[in-house]
PDB file of N, CA and C in Angstrom:
ATOM      1  N   UNK A   1      36.994  27.676  69.534  1.00  0.00           N
ATOM      2  CA  UNK A   1      36.679  28.086  67.932  1.00  0.00           C
ATOM      3  C   UNK A   1      35.331  26.715  67.463  1.00  0.00           C
ATOM      4  N   UNK A   2      34.883  27.859  66.644  1.00  0.00           N
ATOM      5  CA  UNK A   2      33.470  27.004  66.156  1.00  0.00           C
ATOM      6  C   UNK A   2      33.786  26.488  64.554  1.00  0.00           C
ATOM      7  N   UNK A   3      33.412  25.463  64.540  1.00  0.00           N
ATOM      8  CA  UNK A   3      33.731  25.427  63.255  1.00  0.00           C
ATOM      9  C   UNK A   3      32.555  24.850  62.206  1.00  0.00           C
ATOM     10  N   UNK A   4      33.175  25.404  60.759  1.00  0.00           N
ATOM     11  CA  UNK A   4      31.677  25.612  59.585  1.00  0.00           C
ATOM     12  C   UNK A   4      30.880  24.281  59.771  1.00  0.00           C
ATOM     13  N   UNK A   5      29.290  24.241  59.631  1.00  0.00           N
ATOM     14  CA  UNK A   5      29.142  23.500  58.928  1.00  0.00           C
ATOM     15  C   UNK A   5      29.505  22.248  58.121  1.00  0.00           C
ATOM     16  N   UNK A   6      30.654  22.882  57.340  1.00  0.00           N
ATOM     17  CA  UNK A   6      31.670  22.154  56.382  1.00  0.00           C
ATOM     18  C   UNK A   6      32.476  22.844  55.865  1.00  0.00           C
ATOM     19  N   UNK A   7      34.048  22.003  56.481  1.00  0.00           N
ATOM     20  CA  UNK A   7      35.009  23.386  55.406  1.00  0.00           C
ATOM     21  C   UNK A   7      35.240  22.992  54.134  1.00  0.00           C
ATOM     22  N   UNK A   8      36.245  24.032  53.257  1.00  0.00           N
ATOM     23  CA  UNK A   8      35.253  24.050  52.312  1.00  0.00           C
ATOM     24  C   UNK A   8      36.746  22.475  51.838  1.00  0.00           C
ATOM     25  N   UNK A   9      36.461  22.619  50.428  1.00  0.00           N
ATOM     26  CA  UNK A   9      37.075  21.399  50.179  1.00  0.00           C
ATOM     27  C   UNK A   9      39.231  21.884  49.950  1.00  0.00           C
ATOM     28  N   UNK A  10      40.058  21.042  50.553  1.00  0.00           N
ATOM     29  CA  UNK A  10      41.107  21.395  50.560  1.00  0.00           C
ATOM     30  C   UNK A  10      41.707  22.238  51.763  1.00  0.00           C
ATOM     31  N   UNK A  11      40.907  22.597  52.356  1.00  0.00           N
ATOM     32  CA  UNK A  11      41.280  23.543  53.685  1.00  0.00           C
ATOM     33  C   UNK A  11      41.581  22.743  54.691  1.00  0.00           C
ATOM     34  N   UNK A  12      42.407  23.048  55.991  1.00  0.00           N
ATOM     35  CA  UNK A  12      42.858  22.792  56.750  1.00  0.00           C
ATOM     36  C   UNK A  12      41.542  22.470  57.790  1.00  0.00           C
ATOM     37  N   UNK A  13      42.072  20.882  58.200  1.00  0.00           N
ATOM     38  CA  UNK A  13      40.765  21.055  59.719  1.00  0.00           C
ATOM     39  C   UNK A  13      41.461  20.302  60.397  1.00  0.00           C
ATOM     40  N   UNK A  14      41.317  21.212  61.896  1.00  0.00           N
ATOM     41  CA  UNK A  14      40.639  22.992  62.102  1.00  0.00           C
ATOM     42  C   UNK A  14      41.231  23.533  60.758  1.00  0.00           C
ATOM     43  N   UNK A  15      40.314  24.564  60.512  1.00  0.00           N
ATOM     44  CA  UNK A  15      40.295  25.691  59.890  1.00  0.00           C
ATOM     45  C   UNK A  15      41.641  26.148  60.602  1.00  0.00           C
ATOM     46  N   UNK A  16      42.007  27.565  59.741  1.00  0.00           N
ATOM     47  CA  UNK A  16      43.507  28.096  59.781  1.00  0.00           C
ATOM     48  C   UNK A  16      44.354  27.556  60.590  1.00  0.00           C
ATOM     49  N   UNK A  17      45.118  26.087  60.444  1.00  0.00           N
ATOM     50  CA  UNK A  17      45.480  25.951  61.539  1.00  0.00           C
ATOM     51  C   UNK A  17      46.935  25.540  60.742  1.00  0.00           C
ATOM     52  N   UNK A  18      48.322  27.034  60.959  1.00  0.00           N
ATOM     53  CA  UNK A  18      49.343  26.623  59.465  1.00  0.00           C
ATOM     54  C   UNK A  18      49.744  24.908  59.504  1.00  0.00           C
ATOM     55  N   UNK A  19      50.446  24.242  60.611  1.00  0.00           N
ATOM     56  CA  UNK A  19      50.659  23.205  60.538  1.00  0.00           C
ATOM     57  C   UNK A  19      49.560  21.697  60.636  1.00  0.00           C
ATOM     58  N   UNK A  20      48.731  21.759  60.356  1.00  0.00           N
ATOM     59  CA  UNK A  20      47.214  20.413  60.156  1.00  0.00           C
ATOM     60  C   UNK A  20      48.215  20.138  59.301  1.00  0.00           C
ATOM     61  N   UNK A  21      47.420  18.256  59.877  1.00  0.00           N
ATOM     62  CA  UNK A  21      47.579  17.718  58.992  1.00  0.00           C
ATOM     63  C   UNK A  21      46.343  16.415  58.411  1.00  0.00           C
ATOM     64  N   UNK A  22      45.470  17.143  58.623  1.00  0.00           N
ATOM     65  CA  UNK A  22      44.225  17.074  58.507  1.00  0.00           C
ATOM     66  C   UNK A  22      43.634  18.099  57.177  1.00  0.00           C
ATOM     67  N   UNK A  23      42.774  17.051  55.961  1.00  0.00           N
ATOM     68  CA  UNK A  23      42.426  18.052  54.878  1.00  0.00           C
ATOM     69  C   UNK A  23      40.713  18.185  54.981  1.00  0.00           C
ATOM     70  N   UNK A  24      40.142  19.088  54.574  1.00  0.00           N
ATOM     71  CA  UNK A  24      39.185  18.976  54.170  1.00  0.00           C
ATOM     72  C   UNK A  24      38.461  17.964  52.867  1.00  0.00           C
ATOM     73  N   UNK A  25      38.040  17.007  52.555  1.00  0.00           N
ATOM     74  CA  UNK A  25      37.614  16.331  51.394  1.00  0.00           C
ATOM     75  C   UNK A  25      36.214  15.510  51.703  1.00  0.00           C
ATOM     76  N   UNK A  26      35.213  16.295  51.634  1.00  0.00           N
ATOM     77  CA  UNK A  26      33.567  16.437  52.676  1.00  0.00           C
ATOM     78  C   UNK A  26      32.621  15.303  51.785  1.00  0.00           C
ATOM     79  N   UNK A  27      32.856  15.683  50.658  1.00  0.00           N
ATOM     80  CA  UNK A  27      32.212  14.601  49.447  1.00  0.00           C
ATOM     81  C   UNK A  27      33.040  13.118  49.053  1.00  0.00           C
ATOM     82  N   UNK A  28      31.935  12.095  49.494  1.00  0.00           N
ATOM     83  CA  UNK A  28      32.982  10.931  48.923  1.00  0.00           C
ATOM     84  C   UNK A  28      33.641  10.498  47.195  1.00  0.00           C
ATOM     85  N   UNK A  29      33.193  11.380  46.560  1.00  0.00           N
ATOM     86  CA  UNK A  29      33.743  12.707  45.255  1.00  0.00           C
ATOM     87  C   UNK A  29      34.916  12.802  45.156  1.00  0.00           C
ATOM     88  N   UNK A  30      35.053  13.958  46.563  1.00  0.00           N
ATOM     89  CA  UNK A  30      36.791  14.216  46.578  1.00  0.00           C
ATOM     90  C   UNK A  30      37.435  13.127  47.064  1.00  0.00           C
ATOM     91  N   UNK A  31      37.155  11.606  48.033  1.00  0.00           N
ATOM     92  CA  UNK A  31      38.278  11.149  48.339  1.00  0.00           C
ATOM     93  C   UNK A  31      38.556  10.459  47.165  1.00  0.00           C
ATOM     94  N   UNK A  32      37.826  10.042  45.998  1.00  0.00           N
ATOM     95  CA  UNK A  32      37.426   9.270  45.501  1.00  0.00           C
ATOM     96  C   UNK A  32      38.916  10.059  44.480  1.00  0.00           C
ATOM     97  N   UNK A  33      38.036  11.272  44.103  1.00  0.00           N
ATOM     98  CA  UNK A  33      39.005  11.669  43.418  1.00  0.00           C
ATOM     99  C   UNK A  33      39.925  12.049  43.736  1.00  0.00           C
ATOM    100  N   UNK A  34      40.473  12.192  44.911  1.00  0.00           N
ATOM    101  CA  UNK A  34      42.239  12.388  45.779  1.00  0.00           C
ATOM    102  C   UNK A  34      42.888  10.935  45.273  1.00  0.00           C
ATOM    103  N   UNK A  35      42.318  10.430  45.910  1.00  0.00           N
ATOM    104  CA  UNK A  35      43.235   9.210  45.664  1.00  0.00           C
ATOM    105  C   UNK A  35      43.185   8.625  43.952  1.00  0.00           C
ATOM    106  N   UNK A  36      42.935   9.048  43.301  1.00  0.00           N
ATOM    107  CA  UNK A  36      42.793   9.363  41.492  1.00  0.00           C
ATOM    108  C   UNK A  36      44.226  10.747  41.229  1.00  0.00           C
ATOM    109  N   UNK A  37      43.985  10.742  42.110  1.00  0.00           N
ATOM    110  CA  UNK A  37      45.816  12.513  41.989  1.00  0.00           C
ATOM    111  C   UNK A  37      44.525  13.212  40.722  1.00  0.00           C
ATOM    112  N   UNK A  38      43.542  13.878  40.866  1.00  0.00           N
ATOM    113  CA  UNK A  38      42.870  14.033  39.992  1.00  0.00           C
ATOM    114  C   UNK A  38      43.302  16.139  40.678  1.00  0.00           C
ATOM    115  N   UNK A  39      43.378  16.869  38.931  1.00  0.00           N
ATOM    116  CA  UNK A  39      43.844  18.155  39.707  1.00  0.00           C
ATOM    117  C   UNK A  39      43.020  19.111  39.980  1.00  0.00           C
ATOM    118  N   UNK A  40      41.406  18.582  39.852  1.00  0.00           N
ATOM    119  CA  UNK A  40      40.311  19.001  40.971  1.00  0.00           C
ATOM    120  C   UNK A  40      40.830  19.541  42.585  1.00  0.00           C
ATOM    121  N   UNK A  41      41.321  18.108  42.877  1.00  0.00           N
ATOM    122  CA  UNK A  41      40.829  18.196  44.198  1.00  0.00           C
ATOM    123  C   UNK A  41      42.891  18.528  44.549  1.00  0.00           C
ATOM    124  N   UNK A  42      43.510  17.745  44.029  1.00  0.00           N
ATOM    125  CA  UNK A  42      45.533  18.094  44.474  1.00  0.00           C
ATOM    126  C   UNK A  42      45.499  19.765  44.151  1.00  0.00           C
ATOM    127  N   UNK A  43      45.081  20.408  43.839  1.00  0.00           N
ATOM    128  CA  UNK A  43      45.534  21.871  43.248  1.00  0.00           C
ATOM    129  C   UNK A  43      44.519  22.417  44.416  1.00  0.00           C
ATOM    130  N   UNK A  44      43.351  22.568  45.222  1.00  0.00           N
ATOM    131  CA  UNK A  44      42.591  23.041  46.121  1.00  0.00           C
ATOM    132  C   UNK A  44      43.456  22.864  47.680  1.00  0.00           C
ATOM    133  N   UNK A  45      44.409  21.838  47.648  1.00  0.00           N
ATOM    134  CA  UNK A  45      44.653  21.156  48.636  1.00  0.00           C
ATOM    135  C   UNK A  45      45.919  22.304  49.678  1.00  0.00           C
ATOM    136  N   UNK A  46      45.359  22.746  50.628  1.00  0.00           N
ATOM    137  CA  UNK A  46      45.944  24.042  51.560  1.00  0.00           C
ATOM    138  C   UNK A  46      47.503  22.876  51.985  1.00  0.00           C
ATOM    139  N   UNK A  47      46.801  22.172  52.732  1.00  0.00           N
ATOM    140  CA  UNK A  47      47.858  21.099  53.594  1.00  0.00           C
ATOM    141  C   UNK A  47      47.379  19.491  53.698  1.00  0.00           C
ATOM    142  N   UNK A  48      48.456  18.675  54.250  1.00  0.00           N
ATOM    143  CA  UNK A  48      47.861  17.366  54.044  1.00  0.00           C
ATOM    144  C   UNK A  48      48.387  16.555  55.290  1.00  0.00           C
ATOM    145  N   UNK A  49      48.258  15.531  55.156  1.00  0.00           N
ATOM    146  CA  UNK A  49      49.656  14.649  56.072  1.00  0.00           C
ATOM    147  C   UNK A  49      51.049  14.645  55.320  1.00  0.00           C
ATOM    148  N   UNK A  50      51.826  14.938  55.981  1.00  0.00           N
ATOM    149  CA  UNK A  50      53.214  15.049  55.294  1.00  0.00           C
ATOM    150  C   UNK A  50      53.819  14.216  54.543  1.00  0.00           C
ATOM    151  N   UNK A  51      53.266  12.382  55.320  1.00  0.00           N
ATOM    152  CA  UNK A  51      53.846  11.858  54.538  1.00  0.00           C
ATOM    153  C   UNK A  51      53.235  11.823  52.506  1.00  0.00           C
ATOM    154  N   UNK A  52      52.299  12.439  52.531  1.00  0.00           N
ATOM    155  CA  UNK A  52      51.752  12.528  51.173  1.00  0.00           C
ATOM    156  C   UNK A  52      51.464  13.949  50.945  1.00  0.00           C
ATOM    157  N   UNK A  53      52.000  14.831  50.961  1.00  0.00           N
ATOM    158  CA  UNK A  53      51.741  16.349  51.392  1.00  0.00           C
ATOM    159  C   UNK A  53      52.926  17.063  50.732  1.00  0.00           C
ATOM    160  N   UNK A  54      53.618  17.402  50.559  1.00  0.00           N
ATOM    161  CA  UNK A  54      54.529  18.762  50.922  1.00  0.00           C
ATOM    162  C   UNK A  54      53.835  20.194  51.173  1.00  0.00           C
ATOM    163  N   UNK A  55      53.822  20.353  51.813  1.00  0.00           N
ATOM    164  CA  UNK A  55      53.715  21.719  52.784  1.00  0.00           C
ATOM    165  C   UNK A  55      54.044  22.728  51.860  1.00  0.00           C
ATOM    166  N   UNK A  56      53.089  23.557  51.860  1.00  0.00           N
ATOM    167  CA  UNK A  56      53.306  25.062  50.499  1.00  0.00           C
ATOM    168  C   UNK A  56      54.674  25.467  51.243  1.00  0.00           C
ATOM    169  N   UNK A  57      54.689  26.272  51.908  1.00  0.00           N
ATOM    170  CA  UNK A  57      55.872  27.208  52.206  1.00  0.00           C
ATOM    171  C   UNK A  57      56.978  25.886  51.550  1.00  0.00           C
ATOM    172  N   UNK A  58      57.038  25.179  52.311  1.00  0.00           N
ATOM    173  CA  UNK A  58      57.902  23.839  51.706  1.00  0.00           C
ATOM    174  C   UNK A  58      58.552  23.612  50.489  1.00  0.00           C
ATOM    175  N   UNK A  59      57.135  23.485  49.393  1.00  0.00           N
ATOM    176  CA  UNK A  59      57.207  23.479  48.705  1.00  0.00           C
ATOM    177  C   UNK A  59      57.739  24.813  47.378  1.00  0.00           C
ATOM    178  N   UNK A  60      57.279  26.319  47.784  1.00  0.00           N
ATOM    179  CA  UNK A  60      57.580  27.148  47.770  1.00  0.00           C
ATOM    180  C   UNK A  60      59.490  27.062  48.042  1.00  0.00           C
ATOM    181  N   UNK A  61      60.263  27.329  49.011  1.00  0.00           N
ATOM    182  CA  UNK A  61      61.406  27.406  49.473  1.00  0.00           C
ATOM    183  C   UNK A  61      61.515  25.693  48.372  1.00  0.00           C
ATOM    184  N   UNK A  62      61.420  24.341  48.068  1.00  0.00           N
ATOM    185  CA  UNK A  62      61.691  23.652  47.275  1.00  0.00           C
ATOM    186  C   UNK A  62      62.089  24.724  46.060  1.00  0.00           C
ATOM    187  N   UNK A  63      61.391  25.023  45.310  1.00  0.00           N
ATOM    188  CA  UNK A  63      61.078  26.281  44.450  1.00  0.00           C
ATOM    189  C   UNK A  63      61.969  26.694  44.050  1.00  0.00           C
ATOM    190  N   UNK A  64      61.984  28.059  45.191  1.00  0.00           N
ATOM    191  CA  UNK A  64      63.973  29.289  45.223  1.00  0.00           C
ATOM    192  C   UNK A  64      64.997  28.207  44.936  1.00  0.00           C
ATOM    193  N   UNK A  65      65.008  27.435  45.896  1.00  0.00           N
ATOM    194  CA  UNK A  65      66.469  26.403  44.971  1.00  0.00           C
ATOM    195  C   UNK A  65      66.352  25.496  44.841  1.00  0.00           C
ATOM    196  N   UNK A  66      65.076  25.490  43.584  1.00  0.00           N
ATOM    197  CA  UNK A  66      65.300  24.263  42.203  1.00  0.00           C
ATOM    198  C   UNK A  66      65.866  26.078  41.124  1.00  0.00           C
ATOM    199  N   UNK A  67      64.918  26.399  41.179  1.00  0.00           N
ATOM    200  CA  UNK A  67      65.291  28.304  40.125  1.00  0.00           C
ATOM    201  C   UNK A  67      66.969  28.652  40.463  1.00  0.00           C
ATOM    202  N   UNK A  68      67.573  28.339  41.441  1.00  0.00           N
ATOM    203  CA  UNK A  68      69.003  29.094  41.930  1.00  0.00           C
ATOM    204  C   UNK A  68      69.599  28.308  41.495  1.00  0.00           C
ATOM    205  N   UNK A  69      69.638  27.009  41.726  1.00  0.00           N
ATOM    206  CA  UNK A  69      71.406  26.329  41.965  1.00  0.00           C
ATOM    207  C   UNK A  69      70.361  24.899  41.115  1.00  0.00           C
ATOM    208  N   UNK A  70      69.428  24.136  40.618  1.00  0.00           N
ATOM    209  CA  UNK A  70      69.427  23.567  39.462  1.00  0.00           C
ATOM    210  C   UNK A  70      69.992  23.792  38.831  1.00  0.00           C
ATOM    211  N   UNK A  71      69.966  22.665  37.416  1.00  0.00           N
ATOM    212  CA  UNK A  71      70.174  22.404  36.070  1.00  0.00           C
ATOM    213  C   UNK A  71      68.713  22.502  35.373  1.00  0.00           C
ATOM    214  N   UNK A  72      68.591  22.688  33.980  1.00  0.00           N
ATOM    215  CA  UNK A  72      67.410  22.227  33.286  1.00  0.00           C
ATOM    216  C   UNK A  72      67.313  20.797  33.162  1.00  0.00           C
ATOM    217  N   UNK A  73      66.071  20.540  33.285  1.00  0.00           N
ATOM    218  CA  UNK A  73      65.049  19.482  33.814  1.00  0.00           C
ATOM    219  C   UNK A  73      65.308  18.909  35.099  1.00  0.00           C
ATOM    220  N   UNK A  74      66.083  19.287  35.807  1.00  0.00           N
ATOM    221  CA  UNK A  74      66.372  19.123  37.752  1.00  0.00           C
ATOM    222  C   UNK A  74      65.044  19.835  38.527  1.00  0.00           C
ATOM    223  N   UNK A  75      65.274  18.880  39.523  1.00  0.00           N
ATOM    224  CA  UNK A  75      64.767  19.059  40.485  1.00  0.00           C
ATOM    225  C   UNK A  75      64.614  19.899  41.774  1.00  0.00           C
ATOM    226  N   UNK A  76      64.082  20.068  42.765  1.00  0.00           N
ATOM    227  CA  UNK A  76      65.410  20.434  44.580  1.00  0.00           C
ATOM    228  C   UNK A  76      64.180  18.830  45.351  1.00  0.00           C
ATOM    229  N   UNK A  77      64.081  18.253  46.162  1.00  0.00           N
ATOM    230  CA  UNK A  77      63.237  18.200  46.680  1.00  0.00           C
ATOM    231  C   UNK A  77      63.766  18.031  48.162  1.00  0.00           C
ATOM    232  N   UNK A  78      63.706  19.081  49.157  1.00  0.00           N
ATOM    233  CA  UNK A  78      64.657  18.898  50.465  1.00  0.00           C
ATOM    234  C   UNK A  78      64.379  17.610  52.045  1.00  0.00           C
ATOM    235  N   UNK A  79      65.157  17.239  52.753  1.00  0.00           N
ATOM    236  CA  UNK A  79      64.905  16.705  53.797  1.00  0.00           C
ATOM    237  C   UNK A  79      65.605  16.963  54.462  1.00  0.00           C
ATOM    238  N   UNK A  80      65.253  16.394  55.686  1.00  0.00           N
ATOM    239  CA  UNK A  80      66.226  16.637  57.161  1.00  0.00           C
ATOM    240  C   UNK A  80      67.294  16.478  57.488  1.00  0.00           C
ATOM    241  N   UNK A  81      68.283  16.006  56.410  1.00  0.00           N
ATOM    242  CA  UNK A  81      69.303  15.704  56.686  1.00  0.00           C
ATOM    243  C   UNK A  81      70.087  14.539  55.383  1.00  0.00           C
ATOM    244  N   UNK A  82      71.208  14.904  55.585  1.00  0.00           N
ATOM    245  CA  UNK A  82      71.820  14.302  54.796  1.00  0.00           C
ATOM    246  C   UNK A  82      71.645  12.764  54.798  1.00  0.00           C
ATOM    247  N   UNK A  83      71.907  12.022  55.656  1.00  0.00           N
ATOM    248  CA  UNK A  83      71.434  10.791  55.203  1.00  0.00           C
ATOM    249  C   UNK A  83      70.401  10.009  55.084  1.00  0.00           C
ATOM    250  N   UNK A  84      69.077  11.068  55.062  1.00  0.00           N
ATOM    251  CA  UNK A  84      67.627  10.393  54.829  1.00  0.00           C
ATOM    252  C   UNK A  84      67.662  10.964  53.291  1.00  0.00           C
ATOM    253  N   UNK A  85      68.433  12.079  53.050  1.00  0.00           N
ATOM    254  CA  UNK A  85      68.821  11.895  51.501  1.00  0.00           C
ATOM    255  C   UNK A  85      69.343  11.077  50.656  1.00  0.00           C
ATOM    256  N   UNK A  86      70.672  10.364  51.265  1.00  0.00           N
ATOM    257  CA  UNK A  86      71.176   9.199  50.898  1.00  0.00           C
ATOM    258  C   UNK A  86      70.387   7.953  50.861  1.00  0.00           C
ATOM    259  N   UNK A  87      68.928   8.359  52.104  1.00  0.00           N
ATOM    260  CA  UNK A  87      68.607   6.156  51.280  1.00  0.00           C
ATOM    261  C   UNK A  87      68.030   6.424  50.438  1.00  0.00           C
TER     262      UNK A  87
END
């Protein structure tokens, strides 16, 4: 696989990797803005390290469950087990 000279902001590293845990933040400004929670960066992220980023398919599933089961003003969060959820 040949990597492009610069992977676009927010794309997986390596590119086109469904379960990548690295994301491209090609400029120093992108790194600083990521740490600040800037929507310019966060809105372009396709994936990221699981501790800091919920993968898009998981976000979509949580939203589907929220729409179906949540009361107004409630959110949905997925956990691997009941024990994890209760911690």
